[in-house]
Amino acid sequence: MKRSRFTEEQIIGVLKEQEAGLKVSDLCRKHGISDATFYKWKTRYGGLEVSEAKRLKALEDENGRLKRLLADAMLDNAALKEIVGKKW
């Protein structure tokens, strides 16, 4: 997955600038992002504080790691079933 140029703290800072009354187009120009990126950030991080965003990121990382572990275990299980299922 591509790593963002912006940290969660920076993203939340941009969102707070918009909440303070700056126009979205001015913010996007100032920070070098597209309108679509801003609204994607707003959907994902809107209303979060920095600590909550860090917790969200940690949980997403852990979830991805657990999904990979589950996929590996399922592959091992399928291989073992195939071996046991063969006639001797």
N, C-alpha and C. Protein backbone atom coordinates (compact mmCIF):
# COMPACT_ATOMS: atom_id res chain seq x y z
N MET A 1 0.84 -1.17 0.00
CA MET A 1 0.00 0.00 0.00
C MET A 1 0.89 1.24 0.00
N LYS A 2 0.51 2.24 -0.77
CA LYS A 2 1.29 3.46 -0.88
C LYS A 2 1.23 4.24 0.42
N ARG A 3 2.39 4.72 0.85
CA ARG A 3 2.47 5.50 2.09
C ARG A 3 2.12 6.95 1.79
N SER A 4 1.34 7.55 2.66
CA SER A 4 0.89 8.92 2.48
C SER A 4 2.02 9.90 2.77
N ARG A 5 1.99 11.04 2.08
CA ARG A 5 2.94 12.11 2.36
C ARG A 5 2.60 12.79 3.67
N PHE A 6 1.38 12.65 4.09
CA PHE A 6 0.89 13.35 5.27
C PHE A 6 0.66 12.37 6.41
N THR A 7 1.03 12.79 7.61
CA THR A 7 0.76 11.98 8.80
C THR A 7 -0.68 12.23 9.24
N GLU A 8 -1.15 11.39 10.16
CA GLU A 8 -2.50 11.58 10.67
C GLU A 8 -2.65 12.95 11.34
N GLU A 9 -1.58 13.38 12.02
CA GLU A 9 -1.63 14.69 12.69
C GLU A 9 -1.81 15.81 11.67
N GLN A 10 -1.07 15.71 10.56
CA GLN A 10 -1.17 16.74 9.52
C GLN A 10 -2.55 16.73 8.88
N ILE A 11 -3.09 15.55 8.63
CA ILE A 11 -4.41 15.44 8.01
C ILE A 11 -5.47 16.06 8.92
N ILE A 12 -5.41 15.74 10.20
CA ILE A 12 -6.38 16.30 11.14
C ILE A 12 -6.21 17.81 11.24
N GLY A 13 -4.96 18.28 11.15
CA GLY A 13 -4.73 19.73 11.14
C GLY A 13 -5.38 20.41 9.96
N VAL A 14 -5.29 19.80 8.78
CA VAL A 14 -5.93 20.35 7.58
C VAL A 14 -7.44 20.38 7.77
N LEU A 15 -8.00 19.31 8.31
CA LEU A 15 -9.45 19.26 8.54
C LEU A 15 -9.90 20.32 9.54
N LYS A 16 -9.08 20.56 10.55
CA LYS A 16 -9.43 21.59 11.55
C LYS A 16 -9.36 22.98 10.94
N GLU A 17 -8.45 23.19 9.99
CA GLU A 17 -8.39 24.48 9.29
C GLU A 17 -9.70 24.73 8.55
N GLN A 18 -10.23 23.69 7.92
CA GLN A 18 -11.49 23.84 7.20
C GLN A 18 -12.63 24.11 8.17
N GLU A 19 -12.61 23.44 9.32
CA GLU A 19 -13.64 23.68 10.33
C GLU A 19 -13.58 25.11 10.86
N ALA A 20 -12.38 25.70 10.84
CA ALA A 20 -12.21 27.08 11.32
C ALA A 20 -12.74 28.10 10.33
N GLY A 21 -13.08 27.66 9.11
CA GLY A 21 -13.71 28.57 8.18
C GLY A 21 -13.01 28.78 6.85
N LEU A 22 -11.85 28.15 6.64
CA LEU A 22 -11.18 28.28 5.35
C LEU A 22 -11.93 27.49 4.28
N LYS A 23 -11.89 27.99 3.06
CA LYS A 23 -12.56 27.30 1.95
C LYS A 23 -11.74 26.08 1.55
N VAL A 24 -12.44 25.04 1.11
CA VAL A 24 -11.80 23.79 0.73
C VAL A 24 -10.83 24.01 -0.42
N SER A 25 -11.21 24.80 -1.42
CA SER A 25 -10.34 25.02 -2.57
C SER A 25 -9.04 25.71 -2.15
N ASP A 26 -9.12 26.67 -1.21
CA ASP A 26 -7.92 27.35 -0.73
C ASP A 26 -7.02 26.39 0.06
N LEU A 27 -7.63 25.56 0.88
CA LEU A 27 -6.86 24.58 1.65
C LEU A 27 -6.14 23.60 0.74
N CYS A 28 -6.85 23.11 -0.27
CA CYS A 28 -6.26 22.14 -1.18
C CYS A 28 -5.08 22.75 -1.93
N ARG A 29 -5.23 23.98 -2.36
CA ARG A 29 -4.14 24.66 -3.06
C ARG A 29 -2.95 24.86 -2.12
N LYS A 30 -3.23 25.26 -0.89
CA LYS A 30 -2.18 25.53 0.10
C LYS A 30 -1.36 24.28 0.42
N HIS A 31 -2.04 23.14 0.54
CA HIS A 31 -1.38 21.90 0.94
C HIS A 31 -1.02 21.00 -0.24
N GLY A 32 -1.40 21.39 -1.44
CA GLY A 32 -1.04 20.60 -2.62
C GLY A 32 -1.78 19.28 -2.73
N ILE A 33 -3.06 19.30 -2.39
CA ILE A 33 -3.88 18.09 -2.49
C ILE A 33 -5.09 18.38 -3.37
N SER A 34 -5.74 17.32 -3.83
CA SER A 34 -6.94 17.50 -4.64
C SER A 34 -8.17 17.60 -3.73
N ASP A 35 -9.25 18.10 -4.31
CA ASP A 35 -10.51 18.17 -3.55
C ASP A 35 -10.95 16.77 -3.14
N ALA A 36 -10.77 15.80 -4.04
CA ALA A 36 -11.18 14.43 -3.74
C ALA A 36 -10.41 13.88 -2.54
N THR A 37 -9.12 14.18 -2.49
CA THR A 37 -8.31 13.73 -1.35
C THR A 37 -8.81 14.36 -0.06
N PHE A 38 -9.13 15.65 -0.10
CA PHE A 38 -9.64 16.32 1.10
C PHE A 38 -10.91 15.65 1.59
N TYR A 39 -11.85 15.40 0.69
CA TYR A 39 -13.12 14.81 1.11
C TYR A 39 -12.95 13.36 1.55
N LYS A 40 -11.99 12.65 0.98
CA LYS A 40 -11.70 11.29 1.44
C LYS A 40 -11.16 11.34 2.87
N TRP A 41 -10.26 12.29 3.13
CA TRP A 41 -9.74 12.48 4.49
C TRP A 41 -10.87 12.84 5.44
N LYS A 42 -11.76 13.71 4.99
CA LYS A 42 -12.85 14.16 5.86
C LYS A 42 -13.75 12.98 6.22
N THR A 43 -13.99 12.10 5.26
CA THR A 43 -14.80 10.91 5.52
C THR A 43 -14.12 10.00 6.52
N ARG A 44 -12.82 9.84 6.36
CA ARG A 44 -12.08 8.89 7.19
C ARG A 44 -11.72 9.46 8.57
N TYR A 45 -11.24 10.71 8.60
CA TYR A 45 -10.71 11.27 9.83
C TYR A 45 -11.59 12.37 10.43
N GLY A 46 -12.69 12.71 9.80
CA GLY A 46 -13.55 13.78 10.30
C GLY A 46 -14.04 13.50 11.70
N GLY A 47 -13.86 14.45 12.60
CA GLY A 47 -14.32 14.29 13.97
C GLY A 47 -13.37 13.54 14.88
N LEU A 48 -12.24 13.07 14.35
CA LEU A 48 -11.28 12.34 15.18
C LEU A 48 -10.23 13.29 15.74
N GLU A 49 -9.72 12.95 16.89
CA GLU A 49 -8.56 13.63 17.45
C GLU A 49 -7.33 12.84 17.05
N VAL A 50 -6.16 13.41 17.27
CA VAL A 50 -4.90 12.78 16.85
C VAL A 50 -4.73 11.41 17.49
N SER A 51 -5.01 11.30 18.78
CA SER A 51 -4.84 10.01 19.47
C SER A 51 -5.79 8.96 18.91
N GLU A 52 -7.00 9.36 18.57
CA GLU A 52 -7.97 8.42 17.99
C GLU A 52 -7.51 7.97 16.61
N ALA A 53 -6.93 8.88 15.83
CA ALA A 53 -6.45 8.53 14.50
C ALA A 53 -5.29 7.55 14.59
N LYS A 54 -4.41 7.75 15.56
CA LYS A 54 -3.29 6.82 15.75
C LYS A 54 -3.82 5.44 16.13
N ARG A 55 -4.82 5.41 16.99
CA ARG A 55 -5.42 4.14 17.41
C ARG A 55 -6.08 3.44 16.22
N LEU A 56 -6.77 4.21 15.38
CA LEU A 56 -7.39 3.67 14.18
C LEU A 56 -6.34 3.04 13.27
N LYS A 57 -5.23 3.73 13.06
CA LYS A 57 -4.15 3.22 12.21
C LYS A 57 -3.57 1.94 12.79
N ALA A 58 -3.34 1.91 14.10
CA ALA A 58 -2.80 0.71 14.75
C ALA A 58 -3.76 -0.47 14.59
N LEU A 59 -5.05 -0.22 14.75
CA LEU A 59 -6.03 -1.29 14.61
C LEU A 59 -6.10 -1.80 13.17
N GLU A 60 -6.00 -0.89 12.20
CA GLU A 60 -6.01 -1.31 10.80
C GLU A 60 -4.78 -2.15 10.47
N ASP A 61 -3.62 -1.77 11.00
CA ASP A 61 -2.40 -2.55 10.78
C ASP A 61 -2.53 -3.94 11.39
N GLU A 62 -3.05 -4.00 12.62
CA GLU A 62 -3.22 -5.28 13.28
C GLU A 62 -4.23 -6.15 12.53
N ASN A 63 -5.30 -5.55 12.05
CA ASN A 63 -6.31 -6.29 11.29
C ASN A 63 -5.70 -6.89 10.02
N GLY A 64 -4.88 -6.11 9.31
CA GLY A 64 -4.23 -6.63 8.11
C GLY A 64 -3.30 -7.79 8.42
N ARG A 65 -2.55 -7.66 9.52
CA ARG A 65 -1.63 -8.73 9.92
C ARG A 65 -2.41 -10.00 10.26
N LEU A 66 -3.50 -9.86 10.98
CA LEU A 66 -4.31 -11.02 11.34
C LEU A 66 -4.97 -11.67 10.13
N LYS A 67 -5.37 -10.86 9.16
CA LYS A 67 -5.95 -11.43 7.93
C LYS A 67 -4.91 -12.25 7.17
N ARG A 68 -3.66 -11.75 7.13
CA ARG A 68 -2.60 -12.52 6.46
C ARG A 68 -2.34 -13.83 7.19
N LEU A 69 -2.31 -13.79 8.53
CA LEU A 69 -2.11 -15.01 9.31
C LEU A 69 -3.24 -16.02 9.06
N LEU A 70 -4.46 -15.54 9.00
CA LEU A 70 -5.60 -16.41 8.74
C LEU A 70 -5.50 -17.04 7.36
N ALA A 71 -5.12 -16.26 6.37
CA ALA A 71 -4.98 -16.79 5.01
C ALA A 71 -3.90 -17.87 4.96
N ASP A 72 -2.78 -17.65 5.65
CA ASP A 72 -1.72 -18.66 5.69
C ASP A 72 -2.20 -19.93 6.37
N ALA A 73 -2.93 -19.79 7.47
CA ALA A 73 -3.45 -20.95 8.19
C ALA A 73 -4.44 -21.73 7.33
N MET A 74 -5.27 -21.01 6.57
CA MET A 74 -6.23 -21.68 5.70
C MET A 74 -5.53 -22.44 4.58
N LEU A 75 -4.46 -21.87 4.04
CA LEU A 75 -3.69 -22.58 3.01
C LEU A 75 -3.05 -23.84 3.58
N ASP A 76 -2.47 -23.73 4.78
CA ASP A 76 -1.87 -24.90 5.42
C ASP A 76 -2.93 -25.97 5.67
N ASN A 77 -4.10 -25.56 6.13
CA ASN A 77 -5.19 -26.49 6.40
C ASN A 77 -5.63 -27.20 5.13
N ALA A 78 -5.76 -26.45 4.04
CA ALA A 78 -6.17 -27.06 2.77
C ALA A 78 -5.13 -28.06 2.28
N ALA A 79 -3.85 -27.72 2.43
CA ALA A 79 -2.79 -28.64 2.01
C ALA A 79 -2.82 -29.91 2.85
N LEU A 80 -3.02 -29.79 4.14
CA LEU A 80 -3.08 -30.97 5.01
C LEU A 80 -4.29 -31.84 4.68
N LYS A 81 -5.43 -31.22 4.40
CA LYS A 81 -6.62 -32.00 4.03
C LYS A 81 -6.38 -32.75 2.73
N GLU A 82 -5.67 -32.13 1.80
CA GLU A 82 -5.38 -32.78 0.53
C GLU A 82 -4.48 -33.99 0.75
N ILE A 83 -3.49 -33.86 1.61
CA ILE A 83 -2.58 -34.97 1.90
C ILE A 83 -3.32 -36.11 2.59
N VAL A 84 -4.15 -35.79 3.57
CA VAL A 84 -4.89 -36.81 4.31
C VAL A 84 -5.93 -37.48 3.42
N GLY A 85 -6.49 -36.74 2.50
CA GLY A 85 -7.55 -37.26 1.65
C GLY A 85 -7.07 -38.22 0.57
N LYS A 86 -5.78 -38.22 0.27
CA LYS A 86 -5.26 -39.12 -0.77
C LYS A 86 -5.26 -40.56 -0.28
N LYS A 87 -5.44 -41.47 -1.22
CA LYS A 87 -5.41 -42.89 -0.87
C LYS A 87 -3.96 -43.33 -0.72
N TRP A 88 -3.74 -44.22 0.24
CA TRP A 88 -2.39 -44.71 0.49
C TRP A 88 -2.08 -45.82 -0.41
